[in-house]
Amino acid sequence: MPDPADPVQNQLAKLKQKYAADLPLKVARVEELVAGFLAAAWTEESCFATYRQIHSLAGSAGTYGFSDLGTAARAGEQLLKRSLELRGPLGEADRKDLAAALSTMKTLAGAAAG
């Protein structure tokens, strides 16, 4: 718990609280991009846009102290990175792993915002 007399710690706590409140929307945006990416024919543009969004979430989650969420996002990020490197769609096993990562992210985001 930050010292109430420390304005820097108070500001950091407010930033973390706002970030936590926004997490469900951030994860929902990733879910939308993933759904679109998986539903359509593979394109580098779609894959990269999805990768970029999940990469951003993976990095920021850890920065704000949500390391479990960052780890789940990083797992999804690695799957999308592989798709970019192979220049092709995800296989069935990777799709299931991505769905599991998204499910974990959604659960953790809800808990953080709650």
Protein backbone atom coordinates (compact mmCIF):
# COMPACT_ATOMS: atom_id res chain seq x y z
CA MET A 1 0.00 0.00 0.00
CA PRO A 2 1.53 3.35 -0.99
CA ASP A 3 2.28 5.94 1.66
CA PRO A 4 -0.59 8.47 1.52
CA ALA A 5 1.94 11.26 1.97
CA ASP A 6 3.97 10.26 -1.10
CA PRO A 7 2.48 12.00 -4.15
CA VAL A 8 4.56 10.00 -6.64
CA GLN A 9 3.40 6.68 -5.20
CA ASN A 10 -0.18 7.96 -5.12
CA GLN A 11 0.02 8.91 -8.79
CA LEU A 12 1.51 5.52 -9.68
CA ALA A 13 -1.27 3.77 -7.76
CA LYS A 14 -3.88 5.80 -9.67
CA LEU A 15 -2.27 4.91 -13.00
CA LYS A 16 -2.24 1.22 -12.09
CA GLN A 17 -5.88 1.39 -11.00
CA LYS A 18 -6.90 3.06 -14.28
CA TYR A 19 -4.90 0.53 -16.27
CA ALA A 20 -6.59 -2.33 -14.38
CA ALA A 21 -10.03 -0.84 -15.04
CA ASP A 22 -9.23 -0.62 -18.77
CA LEU A 23 -7.93 -4.19 -19.04
CA PRO A 24 -11.23 -5.84 -20.00
CA LEU A 25 -11.54 -3.42 -22.95
CA LYS A 26 -7.93 -4.01 -23.98
CA VAL A 27 -8.42 -7.78 -23.91
CA ALA A 28 -11.74 -7.44 -25.78
CA ARG A 29 -9.91 -5.53 -28.52
CA VAL A 30 -7.35 -8.34 -28.78
CA GLU A 31 -10.18 -10.88 -28.93
CA GLU A 32 -11.85 -8.95 -31.77
CA LEU A 33 -8.63 -8.85 -33.75
CA VAL A 34 -7.93 -12.54 -33.16
CA ALA A 35 -11.46 -13.48 -34.20
CA GLY A 36 -11.12 -11.48 -37.40
CA PHE A 37 -7.67 -12.89 -38.07
CA LEU A 38 -8.84 -16.48 -37.62
CA ALA A 39 -12.08 -16.04 -39.58
CA ALA A 40 -10.56 -14.60 -42.74
CA ALA A 41 -7.96 -15.84 -45.17
CA TRP A 42 -4.45 -15.30 -43.79
CA THR A 43 -2.87 -11.97 -44.63
CA GLU A 44 0.33 -10.51 -43.29
CA GLU A 45 -1.46 -7.24 -42.54
CA SER A 46 -4.13 -8.89 -40.39
CA CYS A 47 -1.63 -11.12 -38.62
CA PHE A 48 0.71 -8.22 -37.91
CA ALA A 49 -2.07 -5.96 -36.60
CA THR A 50 -3.18 -8.72 -34.24
CA TYR A 51 0.40 -9.45 -33.21
CA ARG A 52 1.08 -5.76 -32.54
CA GLN A 53 -1.98 -5.41 -30.29
CA ILE A 54 -1.22 -8.50 -28.20
CA HIS A 55 2.47 -7.54 -28.06
CA SER A 56 1.52 -4.16 -26.63
CA LEU A 57 -0.68 -5.77 -24.00
CA ALA A 58 2.02 -8.29 -23.09
CA GLY A 59 4.51 -5.51 -22.45
CA SER A 60 2.25 -3.07 -20.65
CA ALA A 61 0.69 -5.69 -18.38
CA GLY A 62 4.07 -6.54 -16.90
CA THR A 63 4.98 -2.88 -16.56
CA TYR A 64 1.86 -2.25 -14.48
CA GLY A 65 2.41 -5.30 -12.28
CA PHE A 66 0.07 -7.78 -13.94
CA SER A 67 2.73 -10.35 -14.74
CA ASP A 68 0.34 -13.33 -15.10
CA LEU A 69 -1.66 -11.44 -17.70
CA GLY A 70 1.57 -10.45 -19.43
CA THR A 71 2.65 -14.09 -19.52
CA ALA A 72 -0.66 -15.19 -21.06
CA ALA A 73 -0.46 -12.42 -23.64
CA ARG A 74 3.15 -13.34 -24.40
CA ALA A 75 2.05 -16.93 -25.14
CA GLY A 76 -0.47 -15.63 -27.68
CA GLU A 77 2.10 -13.23 -29.06
CA GLN A 78 4.53 -16.07 -29.73
CA LEU A 79 1.89 -17.99 -31.69
CA LEU A 80 1.19 -14.98 -33.88
CA LYS A 81 4.90 -14.34 -34.31
CA ARG A 82 5.30 -17.89 -35.58
CA SER A 83 2.45 -17.33 -38.02
CA LEU A 84 4.22 -14.22 -39.31
CA GLU A 85 7.52 -16.05 -39.62
CA LEU A 86 5.91 -18.94 -41.49
CA ARG A 87 3.79 -16.54 -43.53
CA GLY A 88 0.75 -18.72 -43.05
CA PRO A 89 -2.25 -19.46 -40.86
CA LEU A 90 -2.11 -21.14 -37.49
CA GLY A 91 -2.68 -24.86 -37.31
CA GLU A 92 -5.44 -26.37 -35.22
CA ALA A 93 -3.22 -26.96 -32.16
CA ASP A 94 -1.97 -23.36 -32.27
CA ARG A 95 -5.53 -22.09 -32.61
CA LYS A 96 -6.48 -24.00 -29.47
CA ASP A 97 -3.44 -22.63 -27.63
CA LEU A 98 -4.35 -19.10 -28.72
CA ALA A 99 -7.93 -19.60 -27.52
CA ALA A 100 -6.60 -20.82 -24.16
CA ALA A 101 -4.31 -17.79 -23.86
CA LEU A 102 -7.22 -15.47 -24.64
CA SER A 103 -9.41 -17.20 -22.09
CA THR A 104 -6.74 -16.78 -19.43
CA MET A 105 -6.24 -13.14 -20.40
CA LYS A 106 -9.96 -12.46 -20.15
CA THR A 107 -10.20 -14.07 -16.72
CA LEU A 108 -7.17 -12.19 -15.39
CA ALA A 109 -8.34 -8.88 -16.85
CA GLY A 110 -11.72 -9.30 -15.19
CA ALA A 111 -10.10 -10.10 -11.85
CA ALA A 112 -7.78 -7.10 -12.12
CA ALA A 113 -10.64 -4.74 -12.94
CA GLY A 114 -12.96 -6.24 -10.33
